[in-house]
């Protein structure tokens, strides 16, 4: 995923939400509308979330250290997870709390009745611009993937987070406009409270979706099927590798992939041959998948009996004719077996 595209969408959302928050707070101060207060807090939460995403992106760029030898790429996942918590607590739960009190207190909007409607219409226009920016930037890398799968499978969290936040903000604004309008028409403040409650439920649902998807990234996801297939082809394209015994991939960050594989080499190869062949294989892998930056290749002599024994230990069959492909093995948790020749680090 393009980091630049994600940053552009985040900045656009941040600027829009800051402007919207100010106008909403003014409208709430003039009218006392609970929907306006809930939307004001929602915009503040969204602004804080976008700041967190920018901070996470910046911190993830730090160089690797002896204590963190694989770098800090996953910080982007951590801050995205914090965003879901903020959206749930500050946005969703506060809106539900405010709706509860407004429902019991009642009371319509008696002063500056035109203000909330004007503010909400302006906010919808500003939020639409932010949402459009996120869509344009996402389309640059989404390809033919559906929006649902894009949100679920994206390895970089920023654009999916901004997309869901902007979508939630737009729907929330429409709900707020609905509640405020009915309150103005009927004079019954419970419509305003109902709109506020709907906003709260919406934000809680979006926060849960974000938390679930980001948790998967934090736990560690394999490379995409396309990347796994490309890596397999790069390994087996050369004459020096007879087959892939098994392979595992893992995202160390959105743009950094770890590849660990046990490869079958010829019995007649010398140590010098094996070292040279591994280096050539690594070059092909990096050409095929540039984000494959950390590569461990363990050479071995293929034996069907030994491969079956390792499969019993790891729960994954060796790859080969009639067996699982490397992509399927990776998806099912295949990994390099312990022991054997020391791995070569790329």
Protein backbone atom coordinates (compact mmCIF):
# COMPACT_ATOMS: atom_id res chain seq x y z
CA UNK A 1 0.00 0.00 0.00
CA UNK A 2 1.22 3.42 -0.84
CA UNK A 3 2.34 5.20 2.30
CA UNK A 4 2.10 8.51 0.48
CA UNK A 5 -1.48 7.83 -0.54
CA UNK A 6 -2.39 6.84 2.99
CA UNK A 7 -0.81 10.00 4.39
CA UNK A 8 -2.69 12.21 1.90
CA UNK A 9 -6.01 10.63 2.90
CA UNK A 10 -5.20 10.99 6.61
CA UNK A 11 -4.27 14.68 6.28
CA UNK A 12 -7.43 15.41 4.26
CA UNK A 13 -9.55 13.68 6.92
CA UNK A 14 -7.75 15.51 9.74
CA UNK A 15 -8.28 18.94 8.20
CA UNK A 16 -11.94 18.20 7.49
CA UNK A 17 -12.63 16.87 10.98
CA UNK A 18 -10.96 19.78 12.74
CA UNK A 19 -13.07 22.25 10.80
CA UNK A 20 -16.22 20.21 11.33
CA UNK A 21 -15.57 19.86 15.07
CA UNK A 22 -15.35 23.62 15.56
CA UNK A 23 -18.61 24.32 13.72
CA UNK A 24 -20.42 21.50 15.54
CA UNK A 25 -19.33 22.75 18.96
CA UNK A 26 -20.61 26.22 18.08
CA UNK A 27 -23.93 24.74 16.97
CA UNK A 28 -24.21 22.68 20.17
CA UNK A 29 -23.42 25.73 22.35
CA UNK A 30 -26.17 27.72 20.63
CA UNK A 31 -28.86 25.02 20.49
CA UNK A 32 -28.10 22.45 23.19
CA UNK A 33 -28.75 19.63 20.70
CA UNK A 34 -27.47 16.26 21.93
CA UNK A 35 -26.94 15.10 18.35
CA UNK A 36 -24.67 18.09 17.77
CA UNK A 37 -22.72 17.33 20.97
CA UNK A 38 -22.34 13.66 20.00
CA UNK A 39 -21.18 14.64 16.52
CA UNK A 40 -18.78 17.22 17.99
CA UNK A 41 -17.14 14.58 20.19
CA UNK A 42 -17.14 12.20 17.21
CA UNK A 43 -15.20 14.73 15.13
CA UNK A 44 -12.75 15.34 17.98
CA UNK A 45 -12.22 11.58 18.31
CA UNK A 46 -11.70 11.25 14.55
CA UNK A 47 -9.18 14.11 14.56
CA UNK A 48 -7.27 12.44 17.37
CA UNK A 49 -7.37 9.16 15.49
CA UNK A 50 -5.89 10.68 12.36
CA UNK A 51 -3.13 12.24 14.47
CA UNK A 52 -2.44 8.80 15.95
CA UNK A 53 -2.19 7.25 12.46
CA UNK A 54 0.29 9.93 11.40
CA UNK A 55 2.32 9.35 14.59
CA UNK A 56 2.30 5.60 14.04
CA UNK A 57 3.49 6.01 10.46
CA UNK A 58 6.34 8.24 11.61
CA UNK A 59 7.46 5.94 14.44
CA UNK A 60 7.33 2.89 12.16
CA UNK A 61 10.11 4.41 10.03
CA UNK A 62 12.71 4.06 12.79
CA UNK A 63 15.71 1.87 12.05
CA UNK A 64 16.03 -1.61 13.49
CA UNK A 65 17.90 -1.99 16.77
CA UNK A 66 19.52 -5.00 18.54
CA UNK A 67 16.45 -5.19 20.77
CA UNK A 68 14.06 -4.90 17.80
CA UNK A 69 16.05 -6.51 14.96
CA UNK A 70 13.09 -6.61 12.57
CA UNK A 71 12.36 -2.89 12.94
CA UNK A 72 9.23 -1.05 14.01
CA UNK A 73 6.90 -1.58 11.07
CA UNK A 74 4.19 -3.04 13.29
CA UNK A 75 3.82 0.23 15.17
CA UNK A 76 1.38 1.21 12.43
CA UNK A 77 -0.80 -1.72 13.48
CA UNK A 78 -0.58 -0.79 17.15
CA UNK A 79 -1.71 2.80 16.56
CA UNK A 80 -4.50 1.63 14.29
CA UNK A 81 -5.71 -0.64 17.12
CA UNK A 82 -5.60 2.32 19.53
CA UNK A 83 -7.77 4.20 17.02
CA UNK A 84 -10.46 1.53 17.33
CA UNK A 85 -10.39 1.86 21.12
CA UNK A 86 -10.71 5.65 20.95
CA UNK A 87 -13.56 5.41 18.45
CA UNK A 88 -15.36 2.90 20.67
CA UNK A 89 -14.96 4.76 23.97
CA UNK A 90 -14.76 8.46 23.15
CA UNK A 91 -17.06 8.32 20.13
CA UNK A 92 -19.52 5.47 20.54
CA UNK A 93 -19.98 5.14 24.29
CA UNK A 94 -20.15 8.90 24.84
CA UNK A 95 -22.88 9.20 22.21
CA UNK A 96 -24.90 6.44 23.88
CA UNK A 97 -24.42 8.11 27.28
CA UNK A 98 -25.56 11.47 25.91
CA UNK A 99 -28.56 9.86 24.19
CA UNK A 100 -29.66 8.26 27.47
CA UNK A 101 -29.66 11.59 29.31
CA UNK A 102 -31.31 13.49 26.47
CA UNK A 103 -34.07 10.87 26.25
CA UNK A 104 -34.96 11.29 29.92
CA UNK A 105 -34.53 15.06 30.01
CA UNK A 106 -36.49 15.71 26.82
CA UNK A 107 -36.79 19.25 25.50
CA UNK A 108 -36.66 20.46 21.94
CA UNK A 109 -34.46 22.97 20.16
CA UNK A 110 -35.91 26.40 20.88
CA UNK A 111 -33.10 28.79 19.91
CA UNK A 112 -31.10 29.21 16.71
CA UNK A 113 -33.13 26.46 15.13
CA UNK A 114 -31.57 26.94 11.70
CA UNK A 115 -27.99 26.59 13.00
CA UNK A 116 -27.73 22.78 13.41
CA UNK A 117 -29.25 22.13 9.99
CA UNK A 118 -26.83 24.51 8.26
CA UNK A 119 -23.86 23.12 10.19
CA UNK A 120 -24.77 19.53 9.40
CA UNK A 121 -25.19 20.25 5.68
CA UNK A 122 -21.79 21.98 5.60
CA UNK A 123 -20.27 19.10 7.56
CA UNK A 124 -21.69 16.57 5.11
CA UNK A 125 -20.07 18.47 2.24
CA UNK A 126 -16.68 18.60 4.00
CA UNK A 127 -16.82 14.96 5.06
CA UNK A 128 -17.79 13.95 1.52
CA UNK A 129 -14.60 15.59 0.24
CA UNK A 130 -12.53 13.66 2.80
CA UNK A 131 -14.31 10.41 1.92
CA UNK A 132 -13.76 11.02 -1.80
CA UNK A 133 -10.03 11.55 -1.20
CA UNK A 134 -9.82 8.25 0.69
CA UNK A 135 -11.68 6.45 -2.12
CA UNK A 136 -9.41 7.91 -4.82
CA UNK A 137 -6.24 6.96 -2.94
CA UNK A 138 -7.59 3.47 -2.20
CA UNK A 139 -8.53 2.89 -5.84
CA UNK A 140 -4.90 3.42 -6.84
CA UNK A 141 -3.95 0.16 -5.13
CA UNK A 142 -7.24 -1.71 -4.71
CA UNK A 143 -7.38 -3.02 -8.26
CA UNK A 144 -10.26 -5.43 -8.83
CA UNK A 145 -10.57 -6.29 -5.14
CA UNK A 146 -13.99 -5.63 -3.63
CA UNK A 147 -14.25 -2.95 -0.95
CA UNK A 148 -15.06 -5.58 1.67
CA UNK A 149 -11.98 -7.62 0.84
CA UNK A 150 -9.85 -4.49 0.58
CA UNK A 151 -10.72 -3.55 4.17
CA UNK A 152 -10.27 -7.12 5.39
CA UNK A 153 -7.03 -7.99 3.57
CA UNK A 154 -5.12 -4.71 3.35
CA UNK A 155 -1.76 -5.01 5.10
CA UNK A 156 -1.42 -1.25 5.59
CA UNK A 157 -4.09 -0.09 8.07
CA UNK A 158 -4.33 3.64 7.31
CA UNK A 159 -6.60 3.73 4.26
CA UNK A 160 -9.09 1.12 5.55
CA UNK A 161 -9.27 3.00 8.87
CA UNK A 162 -9.87 6.34 7.17
CA UNK A 163 -12.42 4.80 4.81
CA UNK A 164 -14.45 3.31 7.66
CA UNK A 165 -14.16 6.47 9.76
CA UNK A 166 -15.30 8.70 6.91
CA UNK A 167 -18.13 6.35 6.01
CA UNK A 168 -19.22 6.30 9.65
CA UNK A 169 -18.96 10.07 9.85
CA UNK A 170 -21.14 10.56 6.77
CA UNK A 171 -23.80 8.13 7.98
CA UNK A 172 -23.63 9.72 11.45
CA UNK A 173 -24.17 13.18 10.00
CA UNK A 174 -27.22 11.96 8.10
CA UNK A 175 -28.57 10.39 11.30
CA UNK A 176 -27.93 13.61 13.19
CA UNK A 177 -29.67 15.63 10.48
CA UNK A 178 -32.63 13.23 10.66
CA UNK A 179 -32.90 13.55 14.45
CA UNK A 180 -32.49 17.30 14.51
CA UNK A 181 -34.97 17.84 11.67
CA UNK A 182 -37.68 15.74 13.32
CA UNK A 183 -37.07 17.53 16.62
CA UNK A 184 -37.51 20.89 14.90
CA UNK A 185 -40.69 19.69 13.15
CA UNK A 186 -42.31 18.01 16.16
CA UNK A 187 -40.78 19.94 19.04
CA UNK A 188 -40.00 16.58 20.68
CA UNK A 189 -36.40 16.29 21.87
CA UNK A 190 -36.59 12.49 21.91
CA UNK A 191 -36.00 12.46 18.15
CA UNK A 192 -32.71 14.23 18.81
CA UNK A 193 -31.88 11.61 21.44
CA UNK A 194 -32.78 8.80 19.05
CA UNK A 195 -30.45 10.22 16.41
CA UNK A 196 -27.69 10.44 19.01
CA UNK A 197 -28.25 6.79 20.03
CA UNK A 198 -28.04 5.67 16.40
CA UNK A 199 -24.76 7.53 16.03
CA UNK A 200 -23.43 5.77 19.13
CA UNK A 201 -24.40 2.31 17.88
CA UNK A 202 -22.87 3.05 14.48
CA UNK A 203 -19.53 4.12 16.00
CA UNK A 204 -19.41 1.10 18.29
CA UNK A 205 -19.97 -1.26 15.34
CA UNK A 206 -17.26 0.42 13.24
CA UNK A 207 -14.86 0.36 16.20
CA UNK A 208 -15.41 -3.38 16.67
CA UNK A 209 -14.78 -4.05 12.96
CA UNK A 210 -11.55 -2.04 13.10
CA UNK A 211 -10.43 -3.82 16.28
CA UNK A 212 -11.01 -7.28 14.80
CA UNK A 213 -9.19 -6.52 11.55
CA UNK A 214 -6.27 -4.77 13.25
CA UNK A 215 -5.91 -7.57 15.80
CA UNK A 216 -5.30 -9.97 12.92
CA UNK A 217 -2.49 -7.74 11.65
CA UNK A 218 -0.98 -7.49 15.13
CA UNK A 219 -0.97 -11.28 15.50
CA UNK A 220 0.91 -11.53 12.21
CA UNK A 221 -0.49 -12.22 8.76
CA UNK A 222 1.10 -14.15 5.91
CA UNK A 223 1.82 -12.56 2.56
CA UNK A 224 -1.00 -12.25 0.07
CA UNK A 225 -1.67 -15.29 -2.15
CA UNK A 226 -0.29 -13.29 -5.09
CA UNK A 227 2.96 -12.61 -3.25
CA UNK A 228 3.27 -16.22 -2.07
CA UNK A 229 2.82 -17.53 -5.62
CA UNK A 230 5.38 -15.05 -6.95
CA UNK A 231 7.90 -16.09 -4.29
CA UNK A 232 7.34 -19.77 -5.01
CA UNK A 233 7.90 -19.18 -8.72
CA UNK A 234 11.05 -17.17 -8.04
CA UNK A 235 12.47 -19.98 -5.89
CA UNK A 236 11.70 -22.83 -8.28
CA UNK A 237 12.47 -20.99 -11.54
CA UNK A 238 16.20 -21.54 -11.12
CA UNK A 239 17.87 -24.89 -11.78
CA UNK A 240 19.58 -24.88 -8.39
CA UNK A 241 16.40 -25.64 -6.35
CA UNK A 242 14.68 -28.97 -6.89
CA UNK A 243 11.57 -28.11 -4.91
CA UNK A 244 10.21 -26.18 -1.93
CA UNK A 245 9.84 -28.51 1.02
CA UNK A 246 7.82 -25.95 2.97
CA UNK A 247 7.62 -22.18 3.32
CA UNK A 248 6.25 -19.52 5.63
CA UNK A 249 5.76 -15.79 5.07
CA UNK A 250 5.01 -13.11 7.65
CA UNK A 251 4.40 -9.37 7.43
CA UNK A 252 6.82 -7.51 9.72
CA UNK A 253 5.07 -4.32 8.64
CA UNK A 254 2.85 -3.20 5.77
CA UNK A 255 5.79 -2.91 3.37
CA UNK A 256 8.13 -5.54 4.81
CA UNK A 257 7.73 -9.28 4.34
CA UNK A 258 9.70 -12.08 5.98
CA UNK A 259 10.22 -15.25 3.92
CA UNK A 260 11.41 -18.49 5.51
CA UNK A 261 11.65 -21.63 3.41
CA UNK A 262 13.28 -25.04 3.43
CA UNK A 263 14.43 -25.83 -0.11
CA UNK A 264 15.62 -29.10 -1.63
CA UNK A 265 19.06 -28.93 -3.26
CA UNK A 266 20.99 -31.50 -5.28
CA UNK A 267 22.97 -34.11 -3.36
CA UNK A 268 26.02 -33.41 -5.51
CA UNK A 269 26.14 -29.67 -4.66
CA UNK A 270 29.10 -28.49 -2.62
CA UNK A 271 28.83 -25.95 0.18
CA UNK A 272 30.11 -23.27 -2.20
CA UNK A 273 27.49 -24.25 -4.78
CA UNK A 274 24.71 -24.08 -2.22
CA UNK A 275 25.79 -20.65 -0.94
CA UNK A 276 25.95 -19.26 -4.48
CA UNK A 277 22.61 -20.79 -5.42
CA UNK A 278 20.92 -19.38 -2.33
CA UNK A 279 22.23 -15.90 -3.12
CA UNK A 280 20.89 -16.16 -6.68
CA UNK A 281 17.52 -17.37 -5.39
CA UNK A 282 17.31 -14.44 -2.99
CA UNK A 283 17.91 -12.02 -5.86
CA UNK A 284 15.02 -13.55 -7.82
CA UNK A 285 12.72 -13.37 -4.79
CA UNK A 286 13.44 -9.68 -4.23
CA UNK A 287 12.94 -8.92 -7.90
CA UNK A 288 9.59 -10.71 -7.89
CA UNK A 289 8.38 -9.28 -4.56
CA UNK A 290 10.32 -6.15 -3.55
CA UNK A 291 8.80 -6.06 -0.05
CA UNK A 292 10.44 -9.44 0.71
CA UNK A 293 13.25 -7.84 2.65
CA UNK A 294 14.10 -10.52 5.23
CA UNK A 295 14.78 -13.94 3.69
CA UNK A 296 15.81 -17.18 5.39
CA UNK A 297 16.50 -20.13 3.06
CA UNK A 298 17.44 -23.46 4.61
CA UNK A 299 18.96 -25.99 2.19
CA UNK A 300 18.17 -29.66 2.64
CA UNK A 301 18.06 -32.96 0.77
CA UNK A 302 14.50 -33.91 -0.02
CA UNK A 303 13.24 -37.18 1.39
CA UNK A 304 9.58 -38.15 1.20
CA UNK A 305 9.81 -40.08 4.47
CA UNK A 306 11.56 -37.25 6.29
CA UNK A 307 9.15 -34.69 4.82
CA UNK A 308 6.25 -36.79 6.10
CA UNK A 309 7.85 -36.90 9.56
CA UNK A 310 8.28 -33.14 9.62
CA UNK A 311 4.69 -32.78 8.44
CA UNK A 312 3.56 -34.80 11.45
CA UNK A 313 5.50 -32.45 13.70
CA UNK A 314 4.34 -29.20 12.06
CA UNK A 315 0.90 -30.25 10.88
CA UNK A 316 1.72 -29.27 7.28
CA UNK A 317 2.55 -31.55 4.40
CA UNK A 318 5.60 -30.99 2.25
CA UNK A 319 4.96 -29.31 -1.06
CA UNK A 320 5.31 -31.22 -4.27
CA UNK A 321 3.40 -33.06 -6.93
CA UNK A 322 0.01 -34.03 -5.59
CA UNK A 323 0.61 -32.18 -2.32
CA UNK A 324 -0.21 -28.70 -1.07
CA UNK A 325 1.23 -25.80 -2.99
CA UNK A 326 3.46 -23.40 -1.12
CA UNK A 327 0.67 -20.81 -1.09
CA UNK A 328 -1.69 -23.30 0.54
CA UNK A 329 0.97 -24.41 2.98
CA UNK A 330 1.69 -20.81 3.95
CA UNK A 331 -1.99 -20.14 4.46
CA UNK A 332 -2.22 -23.21 6.68
CA UNK A 333 0.73 -22.29 8.85
CA UNK A 334 3.64 -23.97 7.08
CA UNK A 335 7.02 -23.04 8.42
CA UNK A 336 10.66 -23.98 8.36
CA UNK A 337 11.43 -26.99 10.50
CA UNK A 338 13.77 -26.64 13.42
CA UNK A 339 17.20 -28.19 13.11
CA UNK A 340 19.07 -29.07 9.95
CA UNK A 341 21.50 -26.77 8.24
CA UNK A 342 21.71 -23.26 9.64
CA UNK A 343 19.49 -20.86 7.64
CA UNK A 344 20.98 -18.34 5.27
CA UNK A 345 20.05 -14.78 6.17
CA UNK A 346 19.44 -12.35 3.31
